[in-house]
């Protein structure tokens, strides 16, 4: 994360003993502005989104944030 070689972190610890390691990992990801996912559902959604964007030849004009989607619903 620190040297910029990590673009996405998926951390789904099963044991409470790993909470300390997870906290350090999460802090490092946030500091480096690297997305950090903590659930398998979230990881699957991210993977589907990445595949969709790549299949659209990186057309970033069609991308909306969750906040933008919510604003459109209101």
PDB file of N, CA and C in Angstrom:
ATOM      1  N   UNK A   1       0.837  -1.190   0.000  1.00  0.00           N
ATOM      2  CA  UNK A   1       0.000   0.000   0.000  1.00  0.00           C
ATOM      3  C   UNK A   1       0.881   1.253   0.000  1.00  0.00           C
ATOM      4  N   UNK A   2       1.869   1.260   0.844  1.00  0.00           N
ATOM      5  CA  UNK A   2       2.704   2.450   1.014  1.00  0.00           C
ATOM      6  C   UNK A   2       3.457   2.810  -0.263  1.00  0.00           C
ATOM      7  N   UNK A   3       3.956   1.810  -0.995  1.00  0.00           N
ATOM      8  CA  UNK A   3       4.739   2.119  -2.195  1.00  0.00           C
ATOM      9  C   UNK A   3       3.886   2.250  -3.455  1.00  0.00           C
ATOM     10  N   UNK A   4       2.549   2.210  -3.311  1.00  0.00           N
ATOM     11  CA  UNK A   4       1.655   2.467  -4.434  1.00  0.00           C
ATOM     12  C   UNK A   4       1.389   1.294  -5.356  1.00  0.00           C
ATOM     13  N   UNK A   5       1.746   0.090  -4.948  1.00  0.00           N
ATOM     14  CA  UNK A   5       1.542  -1.076  -5.798  1.00  0.00           C
ATOM     15  C   UNK A   5       0.198  -1.772  -5.553  1.00  0.00           C
ATOM     16  N   UNK A   6      -0.528  -1.339  -4.542  1.00  0.00           N
ATOM     17  CA  UNK A   6      -1.826  -1.929  -4.211  1.00  0.00           C
ATOM     18  C   UNK A   6      -2.915  -0.924  -4.574  1.00  0.00           C
ATOM     19  N   UNK A   7      -3.911  -1.361  -5.359  1.00  0.00           N
ATOM     20  CA  UNK A   7      -4.996  -0.478  -5.796  1.00  0.00           C
ATOM     21  C   UNK A   7      -6.325  -0.767  -5.115  1.00  0.00           C
ATOM     22  N   UNK A   8      -6.434  -1.906  -4.456  1.00  0.00           N
ATOM     23  CA  UNK A   8      -7.681  -2.308  -3.809  1.00  0.00           C
ATOM     24  C   UNK A   8      -7.357  -3.303  -2.707  1.00  0.00           C
ATOM     25  N   UNK A   9      -7.996  -3.131  -1.541  1.00  0.00           N
ATOM     26  CA  UNK A   9      -7.809  -4.059  -0.429  1.00  0.00           C
ATOM     27  C   UNK A   9      -9.152  -4.708  -0.116  1.00  0.00           C
ATOM     28  N   UNK A  10      -9.158  -6.038  -0.076  1.00  0.00           N
ATOM     29  CA  UNK A  10     -10.332  -6.798   0.353  1.00  0.00           C
ATOM     30  C   UNK A  10      -9.907  -7.575   1.585  1.00  0.00           C
ATOM     31  N   UNK A  11     -10.490  -7.235   2.737  1.00  0.00           N
ATOM     32  CA  UNK A  11     -10.115  -7.857   3.999  1.00  0.00           C
ATOM     33  C   UNK A  11     -11.372  -8.331   4.710  1.00  0.00           C
ATOM     34  N   UNK A  12     -11.540  -9.635   4.779  1.00  0.00           N
ATOM     35  CA  UNK A  12     -12.711 -10.215   5.442  1.00  0.00           C
ATOM     36  C   UNK A  12     -12.254 -11.182   6.538  1.00  0.00           C
ATOM     37  N   UNK A  13     -11.724 -10.647   7.651  1.00  0.00           N
ATOM     38  CA  UNK A  13     -11.211 -11.521   8.714  1.00  0.00           C
ATOM     39  C   UNK A  13     -12.321 -12.306   9.385  1.00  0.00           C
ATOM     40  N   UNK A  14     -12.012 -13.534   9.745  1.00  0.00           N
ATOM     41  CA  UNK A  14     -12.991 -14.401  10.412  1.00  0.00           C
ATOM     42  C   UNK A  14     -12.788 -14.437  11.920  1.00  0.00           C
ATOM     43  N   UNK A  15     -11.591 -14.110  12.360  1.00  0.00           N
ATOM     44  CA  UNK A  15     -11.293 -14.211  13.782  1.00  0.00           C
ATOM     45  C   UNK A  15     -11.113 -12.825  14.390  1.00  0.00           C
ATOM     46  N   UNK A  16     -11.614 -12.658  15.619  1.00  0.00           N
ATOM     47  CA  UNK A  16     -11.476 -11.371  16.301  1.00  0.00           C
ATOM     48  C   UNK A  16     -10.015 -11.051  16.588  1.00  0.00           C
ATOM     49  N   UNK A  17      -9.180 -12.070  16.704  1.00  0.00           N
ATOM     50  CA  UNK A  17      -7.759 -11.843  16.980  1.00  0.00           C
ATOM     51  C   UNK A  17      -7.098 -11.071  15.845  1.00  0.00           C
ATOM     52  N   UNK A  18      -7.681 -11.108  14.653  1.00  0.00           N
ATOM     53  CA  UNK A  18      -7.103 -10.417  13.506  1.00  0.00           C
ATOM     54  C   UNK A  18      -7.562  -8.964  13.409  1.00  0.00           C
ATOM     55  N   UNK A  19      -8.367  -8.508  14.358  1.00  0.00           N
ATOM     56  CA  UNK A  19      -8.903  -7.147  14.329  1.00  0.00           C
ATOM     57  C   UNK A  19      -7.793  -6.108  14.358  1.00  0.00           C
ATOM     58  N   UNK A  20      -6.762  -6.327  15.169  1.00  0.00           N
ATOM     59  CA  UNK A  20      -5.651  -5.377  15.255  1.00  0.00           C
ATOM     60  C   UNK A  20      -4.955  -5.243  13.902  1.00  0.00           C
ATOM     61  N   UNK A  21      -4.684  -6.359  13.253  1.00  0.00           N
ATOM     62  CA  UNK A  21      -4.045  -6.337  11.934  1.00  0.00           C
ATOM     63  C   UNK A  21      -4.959  -5.642  10.935  1.00  0.00           C
ATOM     64  N   UNK A  22      -6.248  -5.923  11.006  1.00  0.00           N
ATOM     65  CA  UNK A  22      -7.210  -5.295  10.113  1.00  0.00           C
ATOM     66  C   UNK A  22      -7.256  -3.796  10.296  1.00  0.00           C
ATOM     67  N   UNK A  23      -7.145  -3.333  11.537  1.00  0.00           N
ATOM     68  CA  UNK A  23      -7.158  -1.892  11.811  1.00  0.00           C
ATOM     69  C   UNK A  23      -5.960  -1.207  11.181  1.00  0.00           C
ATOM     70  N   UNK A  24      -4.788  -1.811  11.297  1.00  0.00           N
ATOM     71  CA  UNK A  24      -3.578  -1.238  10.707  1.00  0.00           C
ATOM     72  C   UNK A  24      -3.686  -1.228   9.190  1.00  0.00           C
ATOM     73  N   UNK A  25      -4.213  -2.292   8.644  1.00  0.00           N
ATOM     74  CA  UNK A  25      -4.394  -2.388   7.195  1.00  0.00           C
ATOM     75  C   UNK A  25      -5.380  -1.323   6.707  1.00  0.00           C
ATOM     76  N   UNK A  26      -6.483  -1.184   7.433  1.00  0.00           N
ATOM     77  CA  UNK A  26      -7.495  -0.180   7.069  1.00  0.00           C
ATOM     78  C   UNK A  26      -6.927   1.240   7.140  1.00  0.00           C
ATOM     79  N   UNK A  27      -6.188   1.538   8.203  1.00  0.00           N
ATOM     80  CA  UNK A  27      -5.569   2.872   8.333  1.00  0.00           C
ATOM     81  C   UNK A  27      -4.616   3.151   7.179  1.00  0.00           C
ATOM     82  N   UNK A  28      -3.809   2.164   6.817  1.00  0.00           N
ATOM     83  CA  UNK A  28      -2.864   2.338   5.708  1.00  0.00           C
ATOM     84  C   UNK A  28      -3.600   2.575   4.397  1.00  0.00           C
ATOM     85  N   UNK A  29      -4.671   1.817   4.175  1.00  0.00           N
ATOM     86  CA  UNK A  29      -5.453   1.978   2.947  1.00  0.00           C
ATOM     87  C   UNK A  29      -6.087   3.370   2.880  1.00  0.00           C
ATOM     88  N   UNK A  30      -6.666   3.811   3.978  1.00  0.00           N
ATOM     89  CA  UNK A  30      -7.307   5.126   4.005  1.00  0.00           C
ATOM     90  C   UNK A  30      -6.275   6.226   3.778  1.00  0.00           C
ATOM     91  N   UNK A  31      -5.143   6.115   4.438  1.00  0.00           N
ATOM     92  CA  UNK A  31      -4.088   7.126   4.293  1.00  0.00           C
ATOM     93  C   UNK A  31      -3.606   7.205   2.841  1.00  0.00           C
ATOM     94  N   UNK A  32      -3.523   6.058   2.162  1.00  0.00           N
ATOM     95  CA  UNK A  32      -3.047   6.018   0.774  1.00  0.00           C
ATOM     96  C   UNK A  32      -4.182   6.208  -0.226  1.00  0.00           C
ATOM     97  N   UNK A  33      -5.409   6.415   0.273  1.00  0.00           N
ATOM     98  CA  UNK A  33      -6.600   6.600  -0.580  1.00  0.00           C
ATOM     99  C   UNK A  33      -6.853   5.377  -1.469  1.00  0.00           C
ATOM    100  N   UNK A  34      -6.672   4.196  -0.889  1.00  0.00           N
ATOM    101  CA  UNK A  34      -6.907   2.934  -1.570  1.00  0.00           C
ATOM    102  C   UNK A  34      -8.250   2.385  -1.091  1.00  0.00           C
ATOM    103  N   UNK A  35      -9.141   1.995  -2.002  1.00  0.00           N
ATOM    104  CA  UNK A  35     -10.427   1.426  -1.581  1.00  0.00           C
ATOM    105  C   UNK A  35     -10.217   0.206  -0.684  1.00  0.00           C
ATOM    106  N   UNK A  36     -11.040   0.111   0.364  1.00  0.00           N
ATOM    107  CA  UNK A  36     -10.924  -0.949   1.367  1.00  0.00           C
ATOM    108  C   UNK A  36     -12.294  -1.594   1.539  1.00  0.00           C
ATOM    109  N   UNK A  37     -12.402  -2.872   1.227  1.00  0.00           N
ATOM    110  CA  UNK A  37     -13.683  -3.589   1.260  1.00  0.00           C
ATOM    111  C   UNK A  37     -13.618  -4.649   2.356  1.00  0.00           C
ATOM    112  N   UNK A  38     -14.697  -4.750   3.150  1.00  0.00           N
ATOM    113  CA  UNK A  38     -14.671  -5.663   4.290  1.00  0.00           C
ATOM    114  C   UNK A  38     -15.688  -6.799   4.210  1.00  0.00           C
ATOM    115  N   UNK A  39     -16.453  -6.876   3.127  1.00  0.00           N
ATOM    116  CA  UNK A  39     -17.425  -7.965   3.002  1.00  0.00           C
ATOM    117  C   UNK A  39     -17.287  -8.639   1.647  1.00  0.00           C
ATOM    118  N   UNK A  40     -17.679  -9.899   1.572  1.00  0.00           N
ATOM    119  CA  UNK A  40     -17.639 -10.610   0.297  1.00  0.00           C
ATOM    120  C   UNK A  40     -18.664 -10.045  -0.678  1.00  0.00           C
ATOM    121  N   UNK A  41     -19.825  -9.627  -0.169  1.00  0.00           N
ATOM    122  CA  UNK A  41     -20.819  -8.992  -1.047  1.00  0.00           C
ATOM    123  C   UNK A  41     -20.261  -7.712  -1.657  1.00  0.00           C
ATOM    124  N   UNK A  42     -19.580  -6.918  -0.838  1.00  0.00           N
ATOM    125  CA  UNK A  42     -18.965  -5.696  -1.334  1.00  0.00           C
ATOM    126  C   UNK A  42     -17.878  -5.985  -2.356  1.00  0.00           C
ATOM    127  N   UNK A  43     -17.085  -7.019  -2.096  1.00  0.00           N
ATOM    128  CA  UNK A  43     -16.031  -7.405  -3.036  1.00  0.00           C
ATOM    129  C   UNK A  43     -16.630  -7.861  -4.366  1.00  0.00           C
ATOM    130  N   UNK A  44     -17.685  -8.656  -4.293  1.00  0.00           N
ATOM    131  CA  UNK A  44     -18.346  -9.111  -5.531  1.00  0.00           C
ATOM    132  C   UNK A  44     -18.919  -7.940  -6.319  1.00  0.00           C
ATOM    133  N   UNK A  45     -19.525  -6.977  -5.626  1.00  0.00           N
ATOM    134  CA  UNK A  45     -20.071  -5.798  -6.303  1.00  0.00           C
ATOM    135  C   UNK A  45     -18.948  -4.996  -6.965  1.00  0.00           C
ATOM    136  N   UNK A  46     -17.829  -4.850  -6.271  1.00  0.00           N
ATOM    137  CA  UNK A  46     -16.692  -4.117  -6.840  1.00  0.00           C
ATOM    138  C   UNK A  46     -16.157  -4.833  -8.079  1.00  0.00           C
ATOM    139  N   UNK A  47     -16.042  -6.138  -8.002  1.00  0.00           N
ATOM    140  CA  UNK A  47     -15.546  -6.918  -9.139  1.00  0.00           C
ATOM    141  C   UNK A  47     -16.482  -6.776 -10.335  1.00  0.00           C
ATOM    142  N   UNK A  48     -17.779  -6.873 -10.084  1.00  0.00           N
ATOM    143  CA  UNK A  48     -18.746  -6.702 -11.183  1.00  0.00           C
ATOM    144  C   UNK A  48     -18.625  -5.307 -11.792  1.00  0.00           C
ATOM    145  N   UNK A  49     -18.451  -4.299 -10.954  1.00  0.00           N
ATOM    146  CA  UNK A  49     -18.296  -2.938 -11.450  1.00  0.00           C
ATOM    147  C   UNK A  49     -17.030  -2.772 -12.271  1.00  0.00           C
ATOM    148  N   UNK A  50     -15.937  -3.334 -11.812  1.00  0.00           N
ATOM    149  CA  UNK A  50     -14.667  -3.255 -12.541  1.00  0.00           C
ATOM    150  C   UNK A  50     -14.791  -3.930 -13.895  1.00  0.00           C
ATOM    151  N   UNK A  51     -15.406  -5.111 -13.920  1.00  0.00           N
ATOM    152  CA  UNK A  51     -15.599  -5.830 -15.190  1.00  0.00           C
ATOM    153  C   UNK A  51     -16.457  -5.009 -16.142  1.00  0.00           C
ATOM    154  N   UNK A  52     -17.521  -4.402 -15.623  1.00  0.00           N
ATOM    155  CA  UNK A  52     -18.400  -3.583 -16.466  1.00  0.00           C
ATOM    156  C   UNK A  52     -17.659  -2.393 -17.052  1.00  0.00           C
ATOM    157  N   UNK A  53     -16.895  -1.688 -16.214  1.00  0.00           N
ATOM    158  CA  UNK A  53     -16.152  -0.521 -16.693  1.00  0.00           C
ATOM    159  C   UNK A  53     -15.129  -0.938 -17.743  1.00  0.00           C
ATOM    160  N   UNK A  54     -14.426  -2.024 -17.488  1.00  0.00           N
ATOM    161  CA  UNK A  54     -13.421  -2.478 -18.453  1.00  0.00           C
ATOM    162  C   UNK A  54     -14.060  -2.897 -19.771  1.00  0.00           C
ATOM    163  N   UNK A  55     -15.255  -3.472 -19.711  1.00  0.00           N
ATOM    164  CA  UNK A  55     -15.925  -3.899 -20.941  1.00  0.00           C
ATOM    165  C   UNK A  55     -16.453  -2.711 -21.740  1.00  0.00           C
ATOM    166  N   UNK A  56     -16.583  -1.558 -21.106  1.00  0.00           N
ATOM    167  CA  UNK A  56     -17.038  -0.345 -21.779  1.00  0.00           C
ATOM    168  C   UNK A  56     -15.866   0.514 -22.234  1.00  0.00           C
ATOM    169  N   UNK A  57     -14.683  -0.078 -22.315  1.00  0.00           N
ATOM    170  CA  UNK A  57     -13.474   0.626 -22.742  1.00  0.00           C
ATOM    171  C   UNK A  57     -13.191   1.869 -21.903  1.00  0.00           C
ATOM    172  N   UNK A  58     -13.397   1.722 -20.581  1.00  0.00           N
ATOM    173  CA  UNK A  58     -13.087   2.800 -19.636  1.00  0.00           C
ATOM    174  C   UNK A  58     -13.809   4.104 -19.944  1.00  0.00           C
ATOM    175  N   UNK A  59     -15.048   4.036 -20.380  1.00  0.00           N
ATOM    176  CA  UNK A  59     -15.837   5.236 -20.641  1.00  0.00           C
ATOM    177  C   UNK A  59     -16.285   5.831 -19.306  1.00  0.00           C
ATOM    178  N   UNK A  60     -15.456   6.696 -18.744  1.00  0.00           N
ATOM    179  CA  UNK A  60     -15.736   7.245 -17.414  1.00  0.00           C
ATOM    180  C   UNK A  60     -16.914   8.217 -17.419  1.00  0.00           C
ATOM    181  N   UNK A  61     -17.378   8.641 -18.599  1.00  0.00           N
ATOM    182  CA  UNK A  61     -18.525   9.543 -18.658  1.00  0.00           C
ATOM    183  C   UNK A  61     -19.798   8.886 -18.137  1.00  0.00           C
ATOM    184  N   UNK A  62     -19.852   7.554 -18.194  1.00  0.00           N
ATOM    185  CA  UNK A  62     -21.059   6.844 -17.781  1.00  0.00           C
ATOM    186  C   UNK A  62     -21.019   6.423 -16.308  1.00  0.00           C
ATOM    187  N   UNK A  63     -19.948   6.745 -15.591  1.00  0.00           N
ATOM    188  CA  UNK A  63     -19.815   6.343 -14.199  1.00  0.00           C
ATOM    189  C   UNK A  63     -20.466   7.358 -13.271  1.00  0.00           C
ATOM    190  N   UNK A  64     -21.185   6.851 -12.272  1.00  0.00           N
ATOM    191  CA  UNK A  64     -21.794   7.709 -11.261  1.00  0.00           C
ATOM    192  C   UNK A  64     -21.436   7.164  -9.885  1.00  0.00           C
ATOM    193  N   UNK A  65     -21.217   8.061  -8.953  1.00  0.00           N
ATOM    194  CA  UNK A  65     -20.974   7.644  -7.574  1.00  0.00           C
ATOM    195  C   UNK A  65     -22.312   7.271  -6.933  1.00  0.00           C
ATOM    196  N   UNK A  66     -22.240   6.631  -5.792  1.00  0.00           N
ATOM    197  CA  UNK A  66     -23.470   6.278  -5.068  1.00  0.00           C
ATOM    198  C   UNK A  66     -24.235   7.553  -4.714  1.00  0.00           C
ATOM    199  N   UNK A  67     -23.505   8.583  -4.314  1.00  0.00           N
ATOM    200  CA  UNK A  67     -24.139   9.858  -3.975  1.00  0.00           C
ATOM    201  C   UNK A  67     -24.897  10.428  -5.179  1.00  0.00           C
ATOM    202  N   UNK A  68     -24.294  10.331  -6.371  1.00  0.00           N
ATOM    203  CA  UNK A  68     -24.963  10.826  -7.576  1.00  0.00           C
ATOM    204  C   UNK A  68     -26.227  10.016  -7.880  1.00  0.00           C
ATOM    205  N   UNK A  69     -26.158   8.698  -7.696  1.00  0.00           N
ATOM    206  CA  UNK A  69     -27.343   7.858  -7.910  1.00  0.00           C
ATOM    207  C   UNK A  69     -28.456   8.270  -6.937  1.00  0.00           C
ATOM    208  N   UNK A  70     -28.117   8.466  -5.677  1.00  0.00           N
ATOM    209  CA  UNK A  70     -29.116   8.858  -4.677  1.00  0.00           C
ATOM    210  C   UNK A  70     -29.734  10.205  -5.014  1.00  0.00           C
ATOM    211  N   UNK A  71     -28.924  11.136  -5.481  1.00  0.00           N
ATOM    212  CA  UNK A  71     -29.456  12.450  -5.872  1.00  0.00           C
ATOM    213  C   UNK A  71     -30.432  12.335  -7.035  1.00  0.00           C
ATOM    214  N   UNK A  72     -30.196  11.408  -7.955  1.00  0.00           N
ATOM    215  CA  UNK A  72     -31.091  11.211  -9.099  1.00  0.00           C
ATOM    216  C   UNK A  72     -32.432  10.616  -8.654  1.00  0.00           C
ATOM    217  N   UNK A  73     -32.423   9.830  -7.590  1.00  0.00           N
ATOM    218  CA  UNK A  73     -33.638   9.169  -7.108  1.00  0.00           C
ATOM    219  C   UNK A  73     -34.562  10.182  -6.435  1.00  0.00           C
ATOM    220  N   UNK A  74     -33.987  11.149  -5.750  1.00  0.00           N
ATOM    221  CA  UNK A  74     -34.801  12.130  -4.985  1.00  0.00           C
ATOM    222  C   UNK A  74     -35.696  12.942  -5.839  1.00  0.00           C
TER     223      UNK A  74
END
